[in-house]
């Protein structure tokens, strides 16, 4: 920007103050030395301690669902968050080893089902791998994408996949909100919370 301004003022004949070399030609700055981080420079971190400390952060619990053929896809997800108001974006994180994520990615859409205080068993059912997670679970198509909207959830957010970023051993999935809503009856029961490896509820 500085170099552009200087060139403009000189072209118009306006007086300019002498600019420092970096401002006159940003490309003249020396390139920083780049090198890989050696193993002995990496901070040692015990995975068990990492989980234990981060477990003190209480969070809500969701089930991410997507339409599929012959059956829908879904998994329990604690790492969900709102991201942007304009445009309306949300995000969730999923392990790169997840067998459910490729099915959601193929669908290109998903519904975030926010779980209520009494839906711990539903969360556990969707946390397993390989089973028919939707067996006996009531659901209807979400209005915008057709993703499974689970019965009796306090809130739901219907999305299209907006972007996917890498984040270590996880993927950061950004969704653009197409529709959303709440169930007033389920809202009154309160949210399902997860804290230090156990479910709980909010007493306000």
N, C-alpha and C. Protein backbone atom coordinates (compact mmCIF):
# COMPACT_ATOMS: atom_id res chain seq x y z
N UNK A 1 0.83 -1.21 0.00
CA UNK A 1 0.00 0.00 0.00
C UNK A 1 0.86 1.26 0.00
N UNK A 2 1.94 1.26 0.84
CA UNK A 2 2.80 2.44 0.92
C UNK A 2 3.48 2.70 -0.41
N UNK A 3 3.99 1.62 -1.05
CA UNK A 3 4.67 1.78 -2.32
C UNK A 3 3.72 2.30 -3.39
N UNK A 4 2.49 1.82 -3.38
CA UNK A 4 1.49 2.28 -4.35
C UNK A 4 1.19 3.76 -4.16
N UNK A 5 1.07 4.20 -2.91
CA UNK A 5 0.79 5.61 -2.62
C UNK A 5 1.94 6.50 -3.08
N UNK A 6 3.17 6.05 -2.84
CA UNK A 6 4.34 6.84 -3.24
C UNK A 6 4.38 6.99 -4.75
N UNK A 7 4.14 5.88 -5.48
CA UNK A 7 4.16 5.95 -6.94
C UNK A 7 3.08 6.89 -7.46
N UNK A 8 1.89 6.89 -6.84
CA UNK A 8 0.81 7.76 -7.27
C UNK A 8 1.17 9.22 -7.07
N UNK A 9 1.72 9.57 -5.90
CA UNK A 9 2.07 10.95 -5.60
C UNK A 9 3.17 11.44 -6.52
N UNK A 10 4.13 10.59 -6.82
CA UNK A 10 5.20 10.99 -7.73
C UNK A 10 4.66 11.23 -9.13
N UNK A 11 3.70 10.40 -9.56
CA UNK A 11 3.13 10.53 -10.90
C UNK A 11 2.35 11.83 -11.05
N UNK A 12 1.74 12.29 -9.95
CA UNK A 12 0.95 13.52 -10.00
C UNK A 12 1.79 14.75 -9.70
N UNK A 13 3.04 14.54 -9.33
CA UNK A 13 3.92 15.67 -9.04
C UNK A 13 3.79 16.19 -7.64
N UNK A 14 3.03 15.54 -6.81
CA UNK A 14 2.86 15.99 -5.42
C UNK A 14 4.13 15.68 -4.64
N UNK A 15 4.48 16.58 -3.70
CA UNK A 15 5.69 16.33 -2.91
C UNK A 15 5.49 15.13 -2.00
N UNK A 16 6.52 14.36 -1.83
CA UNK A 16 6.44 13.21 -0.94
C UNK A 16 7.62 13.22 -0.01
N UNK A 17 7.42 12.65 1.16
CA UNK A 17 8.51 12.48 2.09
C UNK A 17 9.29 11.24 1.69
N UNK A 18 10.56 11.24 2.01
CA UNK A 18 11.37 10.06 1.70
C UNK A 18 10.84 8.87 2.48
N UNK A 19 10.55 7.83 1.76
CA UNK A 19 10.03 6.63 2.41
C UNK A 19 11.17 5.68 2.71
N UNK A 20 11.04 4.90 3.79
CA UNK A 20 12.08 3.92 4.10
C UNK A 20 12.15 2.89 2.99
N UNK A 21 13.29 2.24 2.83
CA UNK A 21 13.47 1.28 1.75
C UNK A 21 12.36 0.23 1.69
N UNK A 22 11.90 -0.25 2.84
CA UNK A 22 10.89 -1.30 2.85
C UNK A 22 9.59 -0.80 2.25
N UNK A 23 9.26 0.51 2.50
CA UNK A 23 8.02 1.04 1.97
C UNK A 23 8.13 1.30 0.47
N UNK A 24 9.35 1.67 0.02
CA UNK A 24 9.53 1.93 -1.40
C UNK A 24 9.43 0.65 -2.22
N UNK A 25 9.95 -0.44 -1.69
CA UNK A 25 9.95 -1.69 -2.44
C UNK A 25 9.79 -2.86 -1.47
N UNK A 26 8.53 -3.25 -1.20
CA UNK A 26 8.32 -4.34 -0.25
C UNK A 26 9.00 -5.62 -0.66
N UNK A 27 9.21 -5.82 -1.96
CA UNK A 27 9.82 -7.07 -2.42
C UNK A 27 11.31 -7.12 -2.09
N UNK A 28 11.88 -5.97 -1.66
CA UNK A 28 13.31 -5.95 -1.35
C UNK A 28 13.60 -6.51 0.04
N UNK A 29 12.57 -6.74 0.83
CA UNK A 29 12.79 -7.28 2.18
C UNK A 29 13.42 -8.67 2.08
N UNK A 30 14.38 -8.98 2.94
CA UNK A 30 15.01 -10.30 2.90
C UNK A 30 14.01 -11.39 3.29
N UNK A 31 14.09 -12.51 2.62
CA UNK A 31 13.19 -13.62 2.94
C UNK A 31 13.63 -14.25 4.27
N UNK A 32 12.68 -14.59 5.12
CA UNK A 32 13.05 -15.25 6.38
C UNK A 32 13.57 -16.65 6.10
N UNK A 33 14.50 -17.07 6.93
CA UNK A 33 15.03 -18.43 6.79
C UNK A 33 13.97 -19.43 7.24
N UNK A 34 13.69 -20.40 6.41
CA UNK A 34 12.69 -21.42 6.73
C UNK A 34 13.37 -22.75 6.94
N UNK A 35 12.92 -23.48 7.94
CA UNK A 35 13.45 -24.82 8.17
C UNK A 35 12.39 -25.63 8.92
N UNK A 36 12.54 -26.92 8.87
CA UNK A 36 11.61 -27.81 9.57
C UNK A 36 11.91 -27.78 11.07
N UNK A 37 10.88 -28.01 11.87
CA UNK A 37 11.05 -28.09 13.32
C UNK A 37 11.60 -29.47 13.66
N UNK A 38 12.72 -29.48 14.40
CA UNK A 38 13.33 -30.75 14.78
C UNK A 38 12.51 -31.41 15.89
N UNK A 39 12.61 -32.73 15.98
CA UNK A 39 11.86 -33.46 16.99
C UNK A 39 12.22 -33.01 18.40
N UNK A 40 13.52 -32.67 18.62
CA UNK A 40 13.92 -32.27 19.97
C UNK A 40 13.44 -30.87 20.32
N UNK A 41 12.84 -30.16 19.36
CA UNK A 41 12.28 -28.84 19.63
C UNK A 41 10.79 -28.89 19.92
N UNK A 42 10.17 -30.02 19.67
CA UNK A 42 8.74 -30.14 19.90
C UNK A 42 8.46 -30.26 21.40
N UNK A 43 7.47 -29.52 21.86
CA UNK A 43 7.11 -29.60 23.28
C UNK A 43 6.51 -30.97 23.56
N UNK A 44 7.05 -31.64 24.58
CA UNK A 44 6.51 -32.95 24.94
C UNK A 44 5.13 -32.76 25.57
N UNK A 45 4.16 -33.54 25.12
CA UNK A 45 2.79 -33.40 25.61
C UNK A 45 2.17 -34.78 25.73
N UNK A 46 1.73 -35.09 26.92
CA UNK A 46 1.11 -36.38 27.17
C UNK A 46 -0.34 -36.33 26.68
N UNK A 47 -0.72 -37.21 25.72
CA UNK A 47 -2.10 -37.19 25.21
C UNK A 47 -3.15 -37.35 26.31
N UNK A 48 -2.85 -38.15 27.32
CA UNK A 48 -3.81 -38.35 28.42
C UNK A 48 -4.02 -37.06 29.20
N UNK A 49 -2.91 -36.33 29.42
CA UNK A 49 -3.03 -35.04 30.12
C UNK A 49 -3.78 -34.04 29.28
N UNK A 50 -3.52 -34.06 27.97
CA UNK A 50 -4.23 -33.16 27.05
C UNK A 50 -5.74 -33.38 27.16
N UNK A 51 -6.15 -34.65 27.08
CA UNK A 51 -7.58 -34.97 27.19
C UNK A 51 -8.15 -34.55 28.55
N UNK A 52 -7.37 -34.81 29.61
CA UNK A 52 -7.85 -34.51 30.96
C UNK A 52 -8.07 -33.02 31.16
N UNK A 53 -7.09 -32.22 30.74
CA UNK A 53 -7.20 -30.78 30.95
C UNK A 53 -8.31 -30.19 30.08
N UNK A 54 -8.36 -30.58 28.80
CA UNK A 54 -9.40 -30.06 27.92
C UNK A 54 -10.79 -30.54 28.32
N UNK A 55 -10.84 -31.65 29.05
CA UNK A 55 -12.13 -32.16 29.51
C UNK A 55 -12.82 -31.26 30.52
N UNK A 56 -12.09 -30.30 31.08
CA UNK A 56 -12.69 -29.36 32.02
C UNK A 56 -13.53 -28.31 31.31
N UNK A 57 -13.45 -28.28 29.99
CA UNK A 57 -14.29 -27.35 29.23
C UNK A 57 -15.62 -28.03 28.95
N UNK A 58 -16.67 -27.56 29.62
CA UNK A 58 -18.00 -28.15 29.43
C UNK A 58 -18.56 -27.71 28.08
N UNK A 59 -19.22 -28.62 27.40
CA UNK A 59 -19.78 -28.30 26.09
C UNK A 59 -21.15 -28.94 25.93
N UNK A 60 -21.86 -28.47 24.93
CA UNK A 60 -23.08 -29.13 24.53
C UNK A 60 -22.75 -30.37 23.72
N UNK A 61 -23.77 -31.11 23.33
CA UNK A 61 -23.58 -32.34 22.57
C UNK A 61 -24.53 -32.31 21.38
N UNK A 62 -24.02 -32.72 20.22
CA UNK A 62 -24.85 -32.75 19.01
C UNK A 62 -24.72 -34.10 18.32
N UNK A 63 -25.64 -34.34 17.41
CA UNK A 63 -25.52 -35.44 16.47
C UNK A 63 -25.59 -34.84 15.08
N UNK A 64 -24.55 -35.08 14.30
CA UNK A 64 -24.49 -34.58 12.93
C UNK A 64 -25.06 -35.67 12.01
N UNK A 65 -26.04 -35.33 11.21
CA UNK A 65 -26.67 -36.31 10.32
C UNK A 65 -26.63 -35.83 8.87
N UNK A 66 -26.75 -36.79 7.97
CA UNK A 66 -26.79 -36.47 6.54
C UNK A 66 -27.61 -37.55 5.84
N UNK A 67 -28.27 -37.20 4.74
CA UNK A 67 -29.02 -38.20 3.99
C UNK A 67 -28.06 -39.17 3.31
N UNK A 68 -28.53 -40.37 3.02
CA UNK A 68 -27.67 -41.34 2.37
C UNK A 68 -28.49 -42.40 1.65
N UNK A 69 -27.80 -43.18 0.88
CA UNK A 69 -28.43 -44.27 0.14
C UNK A 69 -27.57 -45.51 0.30
N UNK A 70 -28.03 -46.57 0.94
CA UNK A 70 -29.45 -46.83 1.25
C UNK A 70 -29.92 -46.28 2.60
N UNK A 71 -29.00 -45.90 3.49
CA UNK A 71 -29.44 -45.38 4.78
C UNK A 71 -28.67 -44.12 5.13
N UNK A 72 -29.22 -43.29 6.01
CA UNK A 72 -28.56 -42.02 6.35
C UNK A 72 -27.31 -42.24 7.19
N UNK A 73 -26.54 -41.18 7.33
CA UNK A 73 -25.31 -41.21 8.12
C UNK A 73 -25.45 -40.30 9.32
N UNK A 74 -24.70 -40.60 10.38
CA UNK A 74 -24.74 -39.74 11.55
C UNK A 74 -23.68 -40.14 12.57
N UNK A 75 -23.25 -39.15 13.35
CA UNK A 75 -22.31 -39.45 14.43
C UNK A 75 -22.46 -38.40 15.53
N UNK A 76 -22.12 -38.82 16.77
CA UNK A 76 -22.17 -37.91 17.91
C UNK A 76 -20.98 -36.96 17.84
N UNK A 77 -21.24 -35.69 18.10
CA UNK A 77 -20.20 -34.67 17.94
C UNK A 77 -20.27 -33.66 19.08
N UNK A 78 -19.19 -33.56 19.83
CA UNK A 78 -19.10 -32.59 20.91
C UNK A 78 -18.50 -31.28 20.42
N UNK A 79 -17.65 -31.37 19.40
CA UNK A 79 -16.91 -30.18 18.95
C UNK A 79 -17.68 -29.45 17.85
N UNK A 80 -18.73 -28.78 18.26
CA UNK A 80 -19.56 -27.97 17.37
C UNK A 80 -19.58 -26.55 17.88
N UNK A 81 -19.63 -25.57 16.97
CA UNK A 81 -19.67 -24.16 17.39
C UNK A 81 -20.28 -23.30 16.30
N UNK A 82 -20.89 -22.20 16.72
CA UNK A 82 -21.29 -21.18 15.75
C UNK A 82 -20.03 -20.46 15.28
N UNK A 83 -20.03 -19.99 14.06
CA UNK A 83 -18.82 -19.42 13.49
C UNK A 83 -19.02 -17.99 12.99
N UNK A 84 -20.09 -17.73 12.25
CA UNK A 84 -20.28 -16.42 11.63
C UNK A 84 -21.76 -16.10 11.53
N UNK A 85 -22.08 -14.83 11.72
CA UNK A 85 -23.46 -14.37 11.58
C UNK A 85 -23.75 -13.94 10.15
N UNK A 86 -22.77 -13.33 9.49
CA UNK A 86 -22.97 -12.84 8.12
C UNK A 86 -21.74 -13.16 7.28
N UNK A 87 -21.77 -14.25 6.49
CA UNK A 87 -22.91 -15.14 6.27
C UNK A 87 -23.09 -16.09 7.45
N UNK A 88 -24.26 -16.71 7.57
CA UNK A 88 -24.51 -17.61 8.69
C UNK A 88 -23.73 -18.92 8.52
N UNK A 89 -22.71 -19.10 9.36
CA UNK A 89 -21.86 -20.29 9.28
C UNK A 89 -21.74 -20.95 10.65
N UNK A 90 -21.63 -22.27 10.63
CA UNK A 90 -21.32 -23.04 11.82
C UNK A 90 -20.16 -23.96 11.47
N UNK A 91 -19.59 -24.61 12.49
CA UNK A 91 -18.47 -25.51 12.23
C UNK A 91 -18.51 -26.68 13.19
N UNK A 92 -18.01 -27.81 12.72
CA UNK A 92 -17.79 -28.95 13.61
C UNK A 92 -16.48 -29.62 13.22
N UNK A 93 -15.91 -30.35 14.16
CA UNK A 93 -14.66 -31.05 13.92
C UNK A 93 -14.92 -32.56 13.93
N UNK A 94 -14.26 -33.26 13.01
CA UNK A 94 -14.43 -34.70 12.91
C UNK A 94 -13.07 -35.34 12.67
N UNK A 95 -12.85 -36.49 13.29
CA UNK A 95 -11.57 -37.19 13.13
C UNK A 95 -11.36 -37.59 11.67
N UNK A 96 -10.13 -37.48 11.21
CA UNK A 96 -9.83 -37.84 9.83
C UNK A 96 -10.01 -39.34 9.60
N UNK A 97 -10.05 -40.12 10.68
CA UNK A 97 -10.24 -41.56 10.56
C UNK A 97 -11.72 -41.95 10.58
N UNK A 98 -12.60 -40.98 10.71
CA UNK A 98 -14.04 -41.27 10.79
C UNK A 98 -14.52 -41.98 9.52
N UNK A 99 -15.30 -43.04 9.71
CA UNK A 99 -15.90 -43.73 8.57
C UNK A 99 -17.23 -43.10 8.17
N UNK A 100 -17.78 -42.26 9.04
CA UNK A 100 -19.05 -41.58 8.74
C UNK A 100 -18.83 -40.32 7.91
N UNK A 101 -17.72 -39.62 8.17
CA UNK A 101 -17.49 -38.36 7.48
C UNK A 101 -17.50 -38.49 5.96
N UNK A 102 -16.87 -39.50 5.34
CA UNK A 102 -16.92 -39.57 3.88
C UNK A 102 -18.34 -39.63 3.33
N UNK A 103 -19.26 -40.24 4.07
CA UNK A 103 -20.65 -40.31 3.62
C UNK A 103 -21.31 -38.94 3.71
N UNK A 104 -20.98 -38.18 4.75
CA UNK A 104 -21.51 -36.82 4.87
C UNK A 104 -20.92 -35.94 3.78
N UNK A 105 -19.63 -36.12 3.52
CA UNK A 105 -18.97 -35.32 2.48
C UNK A 105 -19.60 -35.59 1.11
N UNK A 106 -19.92 -36.84 0.83
CA UNK A 106 -20.55 -37.16 -0.45
C UNK A 106 -21.92 -36.51 -0.57
N UNK A 107 -22.65 -36.47 0.55
CA UNK A 107 -23.97 -35.84 0.54
C UNK A 107 -23.86 -34.33 0.33
N UNK A 108 -22.79 -33.73 0.87
CA UNK A 108 -22.59 -32.29 0.73
C UNK A 108 -23.48 -31.44 1.61
N UNK A 109 -24.23 -32.08 2.49
CA UNK A 109 -25.16 -31.39 3.39
C UNK A 109 -25.16 -32.11 4.73
N UNK A 110 -25.66 -31.42 5.75
CA UNK A 110 -25.78 -32.06 7.06
C UNK A 110 -26.75 -31.27 7.94
N UNK A 111 -27.22 -31.93 8.98
CA UNK A 111 -28.07 -31.28 9.97
C UNK A 111 -27.45 -31.47 11.34
N UNK A 112 -27.30 -30.40 12.07
CA UNK A 112 -26.80 -30.45 13.44
C UNK A 112 -27.99 -30.59 14.37
N UNK A 113 -28.08 -31.71 15.08
CA UNK A 113 -29.15 -31.95 16.04
C UNK A 113 -28.61 -31.70 17.44
N UNK A 114 -29.03 -30.63 18.07
CA UNK A 114 -28.57 -30.29 19.42
C UNK A 114 -29.37 -31.12 20.42
N UNK A 115 -28.67 -31.88 21.25
CA UNK A 115 -29.35 -32.83 22.13
C UNK A 115 -29.81 -32.20 23.43
N UNK A 116 -30.92 -32.74 23.94
CA UNK A 116 -31.49 -32.28 25.20
C UNK A 116 -31.02 -33.12 26.37
N UNK A 117 -31.37 -32.68 27.57
CA UNK A 117 -30.86 -33.26 28.81
C UNK A 117 -31.14 -34.75 28.94
N UNK A 118 -32.21 -35.24 28.35
CA UNK A 118 -32.59 -36.64 28.51
C UNK A 118 -32.13 -37.52 27.34
N UNK A 119 -31.29 -37.00 26.48
CA UNK A 119 -30.91 -37.73 25.28
C UNK A 119 -29.49 -38.29 25.30
N UNK A 120 -28.99 -38.55 26.51
CA UNK A 120 -27.69 -39.19 26.65
C UNK A 120 -27.64 -40.55 25.96
N UNK A 121 -28.66 -41.41 26.16
CA UNK A 121 -28.64 -42.71 25.47
C UNK A 121 -28.60 -42.58 23.95
N UNK A 122 -29.27 -41.56 23.41
CA UNK A 122 -29.25 -41.34 21.96
C UNK A 122 -27.83 -40.99 21.51
N UNK A 123 -27.15 -40.18 22.29
CA UNK A 123 -25.78 -39.81 21.98
C UNK A 123 -24.88 -41.05 21.97
N UNK A 124 -25.04 -41.90 22.97
CA UNK A 124 -24.22 -43.11 23.04
C UNK A 124 -24.47 -44.01 21.85
N UNK A 125 -25.72 -44.08 21.39
CA UNK A 125 -26.05 -44.92 20.24
C UNK A 125 -25.35 -44.44 18.98
N UNK A 126 -25.19 -43.12 18.86
CA UNK A 126 -24.55 -42.56 17.68
C UNK A 126 -23.04 -42.46 17.82
N UNK A 127 -22.51 -42.80 19.01
CA UNK A 127 -21.06 -42.75 19.23
C UNK A 127 -20.39 -44.06 18.85
N UNK A 128 -21.16 -45.11 18.60
CA UNK A 128 -20.58 -46.40 18.24
C UNK A 128 -20.31 -46.44 16.74
N UNK A 129 -19.48 -47.39 16.34
CA UNK A 129 -19.13 -47.53 14.93
C UNK A 129 -19.65 -48.86 14.40
N UNK A 130 -20.21 -48.82 13.21
CA UNK A 130 -20.62 -50.05 12.54
C UNK A 130 -22.07 -50.46 12.73
N UNK A 131 -22.72 -49.95 13.77
CA UNK A 131 -24.10 -50.35 14.04
C UNK A 131 -25.07 -49.52 13.21
N UNK A 132 -26.33 -49.97 13.14
CA UNK A 132 -27.38 -49.19 12.50
C UNK A 132 -27.84 -48.15 13.52
N UNK A 133 -27.26 -46.99 13.45
CA UNK A 133 -27.50 -45.97 14.47
C UNK A 133 -28.92 -45.43 14.44
N UNK A 134 -29.59 -45.54 13.31
CA UNK A 134 -30.93 -44.96 13.18
C UNK A 134 -32.04 -45.96 13.52
N UNK A 135 -31.67 -47.17 13.92
CA UNK A 135 -32.68 -48.18 14.25
C UNK A 135 -33.53 -47.71 15.42
N UNK A 136 -34.83 -47.59 15.20
CA UNK A 136 -35.75 -47.18 16.25
C UNK A 136 -35.70 -45.71 16.60
N UNK A 137 -34.95 -44.91 15.84
CA UNK A 137 -34.82 -43.47 16.12
C UNK A 137 -35.76 -42.70 15.20
N UNK A 138 -36.68 -41.95 15.77
CA UNK A 138 -37.59 -41.15 14.97
C UNK A 138 -36.90 -39.97 14.35
N UNK A 139 -37.18 -39.72 13.08
CA UNK A 139 -36.61 -38.55 12.43
C UNK A 139 -37.44 -38.20 11.20
N UNK A 140 -37.32 -36.95 10.79
CA UNK A 140 -37.99 -36.44 9.60
C UNK A 140 -36.97 -35.70 8.76
N UNK A 141 -37.23 -35.47 7.47
CA UNK A 141 -36.26 -34.74 6.65
C UNK A 141 -36.21 -33.26 7.05
N UNK A 142 -35.01 -32.76 7.25
CA UNK A 142 -34.84 -31.32 7.50
C UNK A 142 -35.30 -30.56 6.25
N UNK A 143 -35.87 -29.37 6.43
CA UNK A 143 -36.56 -28.70 5.33
C UNK A 143 -35.69 -28.30 4.14
N UNK A 144 -34.45 -27.94 4.37
CA UNK A 144 -33.62 -27.45 3.27
C UNK A 144 -32.83 -28.54 2.58
N UNK A 145 -32.29 -29.49 3.34
CA UNK A 145 -31.37 -30.47 2.77
C UNK A 145 -31.89 -31.90 2.79
N UNK A 146 -32.94 -32.17 3.56
CA UNK A 146 -33.43 -33.53 3.68
C UNK A 146 -32.64 -34.38 4.64
N UNK A 147 -31.66 -33.80 5.32
CA UNK A 147 -30.90 -34.54 6.32
C UNK A 147 -31.81 -34.94 7.47
N UNK A 148 -31.52 -36.05 8.15
CA UNK A 148 -32.38 -36.48 9.26
C UNK A 148 -32.44 -35.46 10.40
N UNK A 149 -33.64 -35.00 10.68
CA UNK A 149 -33.89 -34.14 11.82
C UNK A 149 -34.46 -35.04 12.91
N UNK A 150 -33.70 -35.29 13.96
CA UNK A 150 -34.07 -36.25 14.98
C UNK A 150 -35.22 -35.74 15.84
N UNK A 151 -36.07 -36.66 16.26
CA UNK A 151 -37.24 -36.30 17.05
C UNK A 151 -36.84 -35.78 18.43
N UNK A 152 -37.57 -34.78 18.89
CA UNK A 152 -37.46 -34.26 20.27
C UNK A 152 -36.14 -33.56 20.59
N UNK A 153 -35.39 -33.12 19.59
CA UNK A 153 -34.19 -32.34 19.91
C UNK A 153 -34.59 -30.89 20.16
N UNK A 154 -33.93 -30.22 21.10
CA UNK A 154 -34.29 -28.83 21.40
C UNK A 154 -34.06 -27.87 20.24
N UNK A 155 -33.01 -28.14 19.44
CA UNK A 155 -32.68 -27.22 18.35
C UNK A 155 -32.01 -27.99 17.22
N UNK A 156 -32.10 -27.45 16.02
CA UNK A 156 -31.48 -28.08 14.86
C UNK A 156 -31.03 -26.99 13.88
N UNK A 157 -29.95 -27.30 13.15
CA UNK A 157 -29.39 -26.37 12.18
C UNK A 157 -29.13 -27.15 10.89
N UNK A 158 -29.79 -26.78 9.83
CA UNK A 158 -29.73 -27.48 8.55
C UNK A 158 -28.74 -26.76 7.64
N UNK A 159 -27.73 -27.47 7.13
CA UNK A 159 -26.60 -26.80 6.47
C UNK A 159 -26.16 -27.48 5.17
N UNK A 160 -25.49 -26.70 4.36
CA UNK A 160 -24.72 -27.24 3.24
C UNK A 160 -23.24 -27.12 3.60
N UNK A 161 -22.43 -28.03 3.10
CA UNK A 161 -20.98 -27.98 3.37
C UNK A 161 -20.40 -26.78 2.62
N UNK A 162 -19.80 -25.86 3.38
CA UNK A 162 -19.26 -24.62 2.81
C UNK A 162 -17.76 -24.73 2.55
N UNK A 163 -17.04 -25.36 3.47
CA UNK A 163 -15.59 -25.51 3.34
C UNK A 163 -15.11 -26.58 4.29
N UNK A 164 -13.96 -27.16 3.98
CA UNK A 164 -13.34 -28.16 4.85
C UNK A 164 -11.86 -27.82 4.96
N UNK A 165 -11.37 -27.74 6.21
CA UNK A 165 -9.98 -27.41 6.45
C UNK A 165 -9.33 -28.52 7.28
N UNK A 166 -8.03 -28.68 7.13
CA UNK A 166 -7.33 -29.65 7.95
C UNK A 166 -6.96 -29.03 9.28
N UNK A 167 -7.00 -29.85 10.32
CA UNK A 167 -6.62 -29.41 11.65
C UNK A 167 -5.98 -30.56 12.40
N UNK A 168 -4.72 -30.84 12.07
CA UNK A 168 -4.04 -31.96 12.72
C UNK A 168 -4.68 -33.28 12.35
N UNK A 169 -5.07 -34.05 13.36
CA UNK A 169 -5.70 -35.35 13.09
C UNK A 169 -7.21 -35.23 12.90
N UNK A 170 -7.71 -34.00 12.81
CA UNK A 170 -9.14 -33.76 12.58
C UNK A 170 -9.35 -32.90 11.32
N UNK A 171 -10.58 -32.86 10.88
CA UNK A 171 -11.00 -31.94 9.83
C UNK A 171 -11.93 -30.91 10.43
N UNK A 172 -11.83 -29.69 9.97
CA UNK A 172 -12.71 -28.60 10.41
C UNK A 172 -13.72 -28.38 9.29
N UNK A 173 -14.95 -28.73 9.55
CA UNK A 173 -16.00 -28.65 8.53
C UNK A 173 -16.84 -27.40 8.79
N UNK A 174 -16.91 -26.53 7.81
CA UNK A 174 -17.70 -25.30 7.91
C UNK A 174 -18.98 -25.49 7.11
N UNK A 175 -20.10 -25.21 7.75
CA UNK A 175 -21.39 -25.34 7.07
C UNK A 175 -22.10 -24.01 6.95
N UNK A 176 -22.74 -23.80 5.82
CA UNK A 176 -23.56 -22.60 5.64
C UNK A 176 -25.00 -22.94 6.01
N UNK A 177 -25.56 -22.18 6.92
CA UNK A 177 -26.89 -22.48 7.46
C UNK A 177 -27.96 -22.14 6.42
N UNK A 178 -28.79 -23.15 6.13
CA UNK A 178 -29.89 -22.96 5.17
C UNK A 178 -31.23 -22.86 5.87
N UNK A 179 -31.35 -23.47 7.05
CA UNK A 179 -32.58 -23.42 7.84
C UNK A 179 -32.23 -23.83 9.26
N UNK A 180 -33.06 -23.43 10.20
CA UNK A 180 -32.83 -23.80 11.59
C UNK A 180 -34.11 -23.60 12.38
N UNK A 181 -34.15 -24.20 13.56
CA UNK A 181 -35.36 -24.06 14.37
C UNK A 181 -35.21 -24.71 15.74
N UNK A 182 -36.25 -24.59 16.54
CA UNK A 182 -36.26 -25.15 17.89
C UNK A 182 -37.59 -25.85 18.14
N UNK A 183 -37.58 -26.71 19.16
CA UNK A 183 -38.79 -27.37 19.65
C UNK A 183 -39.07 -26.80 21.03
N UNK A 184 -40.10 -25.95 21.20
CA UNK A 184 -40.34 -25.29 22.48
C UNK A 184 -40.49 -26.26 23.64
N UNK A 185 -41.10 -27.40 23.41
CA UNK A 185 -41.28 -28.38 24.49
C UNK A 185 -39.94 -28.96 24.91
N UNK A 186 -39.12 -29.36 23.94
CA UNK A 186 -37.81 -29.94 24.24
C UNK A 186 -36.88 -28.90 24.87
N UNK A 187 -37.01 -27.65 24.46
CA UNK A 187 -36.16 -26.60 25.02
C UNK A 187 -36.36 -26.49 26.52
N UNK A 188 -37.59 -26.67 26.98
CA UNK A 188 -37.90 -26.55 28.41
C UNK A 188 -37.18 -27.61 29.24
N UNK A 189 -36.79 -28.73 28.64
CA UNK A 189 -36.11 -29.79 29.39
C UNK A 189 -34.64 -29.47 29.62
N UNK A 190 -34.12 -28.49 28.90
CA UNK A 190 -32.73 -28.10 29.08
C UNK A 190 -31.79 -28.87 28.17
N UNK A 191 -30.52 -28.44 28.08
CA UNK A 191 -29.56 -29.05 27.17
C UNK A 191 -28.83 -30.24 27.81
N UNK A 192 -28.29 -31.09 26.97
CA UNK A 192 -27.38 -32.14 27.42
C UNK A 192 -25.97 -31.57 27.42
N UNK A 193 -25.26 -31.72 28.52
CA UNK A 193 -23.90 -31.20 28.64
C UNK A 193 -22.90 -32.35 28.78
N UNK A 194 -21.67 -32.09 28.37
CA UNK A 194 -20.60 -33.07 28.50
C UNK A 194 -19.45 -32.42 29.23
N UNK A 195 -19.00 -33.05 30.32
CA UNK A 195 -17.94 -32.46 31.15
C UNK A 195 -17.14 -33.56 31.81
N UNK A 196 -15.83 -33.55 31.59
CA UNK A 196 -14.91 -34.52 32.19
C UNK A 196 -15.36 -35.96 31.96
N UNK A 197 -15.78 -36.25 30.74
CA UNK A 197 -16.09 -37.61 30.35
C UNK A 197 -17.47 -38.10 30.76
N UNK A 198 -18.32 -37.20 31.25
CA UNK A 198 -19.65 -37.63 31.71
C UNK A 198 -20.70 -36.63 31.24
N UNK A 199 -21.94 -37.12 31.12
CA UNK A 199 -23.06 -36.27 30.74
C UNK A 199 -23.59 -35.57 31.99
N UNK A 200 -24.16 -34.39 31.78
CA UNK A 200 -24.79 -33.67 32.86
C UNK A 200 -25.88 -32.79 32.29
N UNK A 201 -26.48 -31.98 33.15
CA UNK A 201 -27.53 -31.08 32.71
C UNK A 201 -27.34 -29.73 33.36
N UNK A 202 -27.98 -28.74 32.78
CA UNK A 202 -27.86 -27.37 33.26
C UNK A 202 -28.99 -27.05 34.22
N UNK A 203 -28.63 -26.58 35.42
CA UNK A 203 -29.62 -26.15 36.40
C UNK A 203 -29.50 -24.64 36.54
N UNK A 204 -30.35 -23.92 35.86
CA UNK A 204 -30.27 -22.47 35.87
C UNK A 204 -31.10 -21.84 36.96
